[in-house]
N, C-alpha and C. Protein backbone atom coordinates (compact mmCIF):
# COMPACT_ATOMS: atom_id res chain seq x y z
N MET A 1 84.23 -184.50 145.08
CA MET A 1 83.87 -183.14 145.45
C MET A 1 82.39 -183.11 145.82
N ILE A 2 82.11 -182.42 146.91
CA ILE A 2 80.73 -182.25 147.38
C ILE A 2 80.41 -180.76 147.40
N ARG A 3 79.21 -180.42 146.93
CA ARG A 3 78.71 -179.04 146.99
C ARG A 3 77.36 -179.07 147.69
N ARG A 4 77.18 -178.14 148.62
CA ARG A 4 75.89 -178.07 149.30
C ARG A 4 75.59 -176.62 149.65
N LYS A 5 74.35 -176.20 149.38
CA LYS A 5 73.91 -174.85 149.74
C LYS A 5 73.21 -174.93 151.09
N ILE A 6 73.57 -173.98 151.97
CA ILE A 6 72.93 -173.92 153.28
C ILE A 6 72.64 -172.46 153.62
N GLN A 7 71.72 -172.29 154.53
CA GLN A 7 71.40 -170.95 155.02
C GLN A 7 72.12 -170.76 156.36
N VAL A 8 72.90 -169.70 156.44
CA VAL A 8 73.67 -169.42 157.65
C VAL A 8 72.72 -168.95 158.74
N SER A 9 72.71 -169.64 159.87
CA SER A 9 71.81 -169.25 160.94
C SER A 9 72.53 -168.88 162.23
N VAL A 10 73.85 -168.85 162.18
CA VAL A 10 74.61 -168.47 163.36
C VAL A 10 74.34 -166.98 163.65
N PRO A 11 74.06 -166.63 164.91
CA PRO A 11 73.79 -165.22 165.24
C PRO A 11 74.96 -164.31 164.83
N GLY A 12 74.64 -163.25 164.15
CA GLY A 12 75.67 -162.31 163.70
C GLY A 12 76.28 -162.65 162.37
N GLY A 13 75.88 -163.75 161.76
CA GLY A 13 76.47 -164.15 160.49
C GLY A 13 77.90 -164.63 160.69
N ILE A 14 78.69 -164.53 159.63
CA ILE A 14 80.08 -164.97 159.74
C ILE A 14 80.92 -163.81 160.24
N HIS A 15 81.38 -163.93 161.48
CA HIS A 15 82.27 -162.94 162.08
C HIS A 15 83.59 -163.64 162.38
N MET A 16 84.53 -162.94 163.01
CA MET A 16 85.88 -163.48 163.18
C MET A 16 85.92 -164.81 163.91
N ALA A 17 85.13 -164.96 164.97
CA ALA A 17 85.14 -166.22 165.72
C ALA A 17 84.65 -167.38 164.84
N VAL A 18 83.64 -167.12 164.03
CA VAL A 18 83.12 -168.16 163.13
C VAL A 18 84.16 -168.49 162.06
N ALA A 19 84.76 -167.46 161.47
CA ALA A 19 85.77 -167.67 160.42
C ALA A 19 86.96 -168.45 160.97
N ALA A 20 87.37 -168.17 162.20
CA ALA A 20 88.47 -168.89 162.83
C ALA A 20 88.09 -170.35 163.07
N ALA A 21 86.87 -170.58 163.54
CA ALA A 21 86.40 -171.96 163.77
C ALA A 21 86.36 -172.73 162.46
N LEU A 22 85.93 -172.08 161.38
CA LEU A 22 85.89 -172.74 160.08
C LEU A 22 87.30 -173.14 159.64
N SER A 23 88.26 -172.23 159.81
CA SER A 23 89.62 -172.53 159.35
C SER A 23 90.22 -173.71 160.11
N GLN A 24 89.80 -173.91 161.35
CA GLN A 24 90.32 -175.02 162.14
C GLN A 24 89.77 -176.37 161.71
N THR A 25 88.70 -176.39 160.93
CA THR A 25 88.14 -177.66 160.47
C THR A 25 88.98 -178.28 159.37
N VAL A 26 89.80 -177.47 158.70
CA VAL A 26 90.64 -177.97 157.61
C VAL A 26 92.01 -178.28 158.21
N ARG A 27 92.26 -179.56 158.42
CA ARG A 27 93.49 -179.95 159.13
C ARG A 27 94.54 -180.57 158.22
N ARG A 28 94.10 -181.25 157.19
CA ARG A 28 95.06 -181.98 156.34
C ARG A 28 95.35 -181.19 155.06
N GLU A 29 96.51 -181.47 154.50
CA GLU A 29 96.95 -180.80 153.27
C GLU A 29 96.02 -181.06 152.09
N ASP A 30 95.40 -182.24 152.06
CA ASP A 30 94.58 -182.60 150.89
C ASP A 30 93.15 -182.09 150.99
N GLU A 31 92.83 -181.36 152.06
CA GLU A 31 91.47 -180.83 152.21
C GLU A 31 91.39 -179.42 151.63
N HIS A 32 90.54 -179.27 150.64
CA HIS A 32 90.32 -177.97 150.02
C HIS A 32 88.84 -177.65 150.19
N VAL A 33 88.57 -176.62 150.98
CA VAL A 33 87.19 -176.28 151.31
C VAL A 33 86.98 -174.80 151.04
N PHE A 34 85.90 -174.50 150.33
CA PHE A 34 85.60 -173.12 149.95
C PHE A 34 84.18 -172.76 150.33
N LEU A 35 83.97 -171.47 150.59
CA LEU A 35 82.63 -170.93 150.77
C LEU A 35 82.37 -170.00 149.61
N LYS A 36 81.19 -170.10 149.05
CA LYS A 36 80.80 -169.23 147.95
C LYS A 36 79.54 -168.48 148.37
N ALA A 37 79.61 -167.16 148.27
CA ALA A 37 78.47 -166.30 148.58
C ALA A 37 78.28 -165.35 147.41
N GLY A 38 77.18 -165.52 146.71
CA GLY A 38 76.98 -164.72 145.50
C GLY A 38 78.02 -165.08 144.46
N LYS A 39 78.75 -164.09 143.99
CA LYS A 39 79.79 -164.33 142.99
C LYS A 39 81.18 -164.45 143.61
N LYS A 40 81.27 -164.28 144.92
CA LYS A 40 82.56 -164.34 145.61
C LYS A 40 82.79 -165.73 146.20
N MET A 41 84.06 -166.13 146.23
CA MET A 41 84.41 -167.41 146.82
C MET A 41 85.70 -167.25 147.61
N ALA A 42 85.81 -167.96 148.73
CA ALA A 42 87.01 -167.87 149.57
C ALA A 42 87.32 -169.24 150.17
N SER A 43 88.60 -169.49 150.32
CA SER A 43 89.05 -170.70 151.01
C SER A 43 88.84 -170.50 152.51
N ILE A 44 88.31 -171.52 153.18
CA ILE A 44 88.10 -171.35 154.62
C ILE A 44 89.41 -171.43 155.40
N ARG A 45 90.49 -171.75 154.74
CA ARG A 45 91.81 -171.71 155.38
C ARG A 45 92.23 -170.27 155.70
N GLU A 46 91.59 -169.30 155.05
CA GLU A 46 91.97 -167.90 155.18
C GLU A 46 90.81 -167.10 155.78
N PRO A 47 90.78 -166.97 157.11
CA PRO A 47 89.65 -166.33 157.79
C PRO A 47 89.34 -164.91 157.30
N LEU A 48 90.35 -164.12 156.98
CA LEU A 48 90.08 -162.76 156.51
C LEU A 48 89.36 -162.76 155.17
N ASN A 49 89.69 -163.71 154.31
CA ASN A 49 88.99 -163.81 153.03
C ASN A 49 87.55 -164.27 153.23
N VAL A 50 87.34 -165.15 154.20
CA VAL A 50 85.97 -165.58 154.53
C VAL A 50 85.16 -164.39 155.03
N LEU A 51 85.77 -163.57 155.88
CA LEU A 51 85.08 -162.37 156.38
C LEU A 51 84.73 -161.42 155.24
N SER A 52 85.60 -161.34 154.24
CA SER A 52 85.36 -160.41 153.12
C SER A 52 84.13 -160.80 152.28
N LEU A 53 83.62 -162.02 152.48
CA LEU A 53 82.40 -162.42 151.76
C LEU A 53 81.18 -161.65 152.26
N GLY A 54 81.26 -161.13 153.48
CA GLY A 54 80.17 -160.33 154.03
C GLY A 54 78.88 -161.11 154.24
N VAL A 55 78.99 -162.31 154.80
CA VAL A 55 77.82 -163.17 154.98
C VAL A 55 77.12 -162.82 156.30
N HIS A 56 75.83 -162.54 156.18
CA HIS A 56 74.99 -162.20 157.33
C HIS A 56 74.11 -163.39 157.70
N ARG A 57 73.51 -163.30 158.86
CA ARG A 57 72.58 -164.35 159.29
C ARG A 57 71.44 -164.43 158.27
N MET A 58 71.07 -165.64 157.93
CA MET A 58 69.99 -165.98 156.99
C MET A 58 70.41 -165.84 155.52
N ASP A 59 71.67 -165.52 155.24
CA ASP A 59 72.19 -165.54 153.87
C ASP A 59 72.45 -166.99 153.47
N TRP A 60 72.38 -167.24 152.17
CA TRP A 60 72.67 -168.57 151.64
C TRP A 60 74.11 -168.59 151.16
N VAL A 61 74.82 -169.68 151.46
CA VAL A 61 76.18 -169.89 150.98
C VAL A 61 76.27 -171.30 150.40
N GLU A 62 77.24 -171.49 149.55
CA GLU A 62 77.51 -172.82 149.03
C GLU A 62 78.84 -173.28 149.62
N ILE A 63 78.84 -174.48 150.16
CA ILE A 63 80.06 -175.08 150.69
C ILE A 63 80.58 -176.05 149.63
N ILE A 64 81.86 -175.93 149.32
CA ILE A 64 82.49 -176.81 148.34
C ILE A 64 83.64 -177.53 149.04
N VAL A 65 83.54 -178.85 149.12
CA VAL A 65 84.54 -179.66 149.81
C VAL A 65 85.18 -180.60 148.79
N ASP A 66 86.51 -180.54 148.72
CA ASP A 66 87.24 -181.41 147.81
C ASP A 66 88.44 -181.98 148.57
N CYS A 67 88.31 -183.24 148.97
CA CYS A 67 89.43 -183.91 149.64
C CYS A 67 89.35 -185.40 149.33
N GLU A 68 90.44 -186.07 149.61
CA GLU A 68 90.52 -187.48 149.25
C GLU A 68 89.67 -188.37 150.15
N LYS A 69 89.59 -188.01 151.44
CA LYS A 69 88.86 -188.84 152.39
C LYS A 69 87.93 -187.98 153.23
N GLU A 70 86.90 -188.58 153.73
CA GLU A 70 86.02 -187.98 154.73
C GLU A 70 85.40 -186.64 154.31
N GLU A 71 85.03 -186.50 153.04
CA GLU A 71 84.40 -185.26 152.59
C GLU A 71 83.14 -184.97 153.37
N GLU A 72 82.33 -186.00 153.58
CA GLU A 72 81.05 -185.82 154.27
C GLU A 72 81.28 -185.36 155.71
N SER A 73 82.29 -185.88 156.35
CA SER A 73 82.61 -185.49 157.73
C SER A 73 83.01 -184.01 157.80
N VAL A 74 83.85 -183.57 156.88
CA VAL A 74 84.27 -182.17 156.84
C VAL A 74 83.06 -181.27 156.59
N LEU A 75 82.21 -181.67 155.68
CA LEU A 75 81.01 -180.90 155.37
C LEU A 75 80.10 -180.78 156.59
N GLU A 76 79.92 -181.86 157.31
CA GLU A 76 79.07 -181.84 158.51
C GLU A 76 79.63 -180.91 159.58
N GLN A 77 80.95 -180.90 159.76
CA GLN A 77 81.58 -180.01 160.74
C GLN A 77 81.32 -178.55 160.38
N ILE A 78 81.43 -178.22 159.11
CA ILE A 78 81.21 -176.85 158.66
C ILE A 78 79.75 -176.45 158.84
N GLU A 79 78.84 -177.36 158.50
CA GLU A 79 77.42 -177.09 158.69
C GLU A 79 77.09 -176.83 160.16
N LYS A 80 77.68 -177.58 161.06
CA LYS A 80 77.43 -177.37 162.50
C LYS A 80 77.86 -175.98 162.92
N ILE A 81 78.98 -175.51 162.40
CA ILE A 81 79.46 -174.17 162.75
C ILE A 81 78.54 -173.09 162.19
N LEU A 82 78.13 -173.23 160.95
CA LEU A 82 77.33 -172.19 160.29
C LEU A 82 75.85 -172.23 160.65
N CYS A 83 75.38 -173.34 161.15
CA CYS A 83 73.96 -173.46 161.48
C CYS A 83 73.71 -173.52 162.97
N HIS A 84 74.72 -173.19 163.76
CA HIS A 84 74.57 -173.15 165.22
C HIS A 84 73.57 -172.07 165.59
N LYS A 85 72.65 -172.38 166.47
CA LYS A 85 71.61 -171.41 166.83
C LYS A 85 71.79 -170.92 168.24
């Protein structure tokens, strides 16, 4: 399991297009990826739950990746989506 805190820099924060892009990064059954903002946490497999976190640009989130293989690769893909400028 990998945990990393990052600052969201995508313009507009996490909106539907970003949430949809995040959900597409989880392709295999053994990949469990969550976003944590404050006291709330959501699986990125569920875009509406990710939207309910209410993450704005420059907010800090914690990414939690738990999968059998390629955890670092999944984490990097998520960071690219959330830190796109």
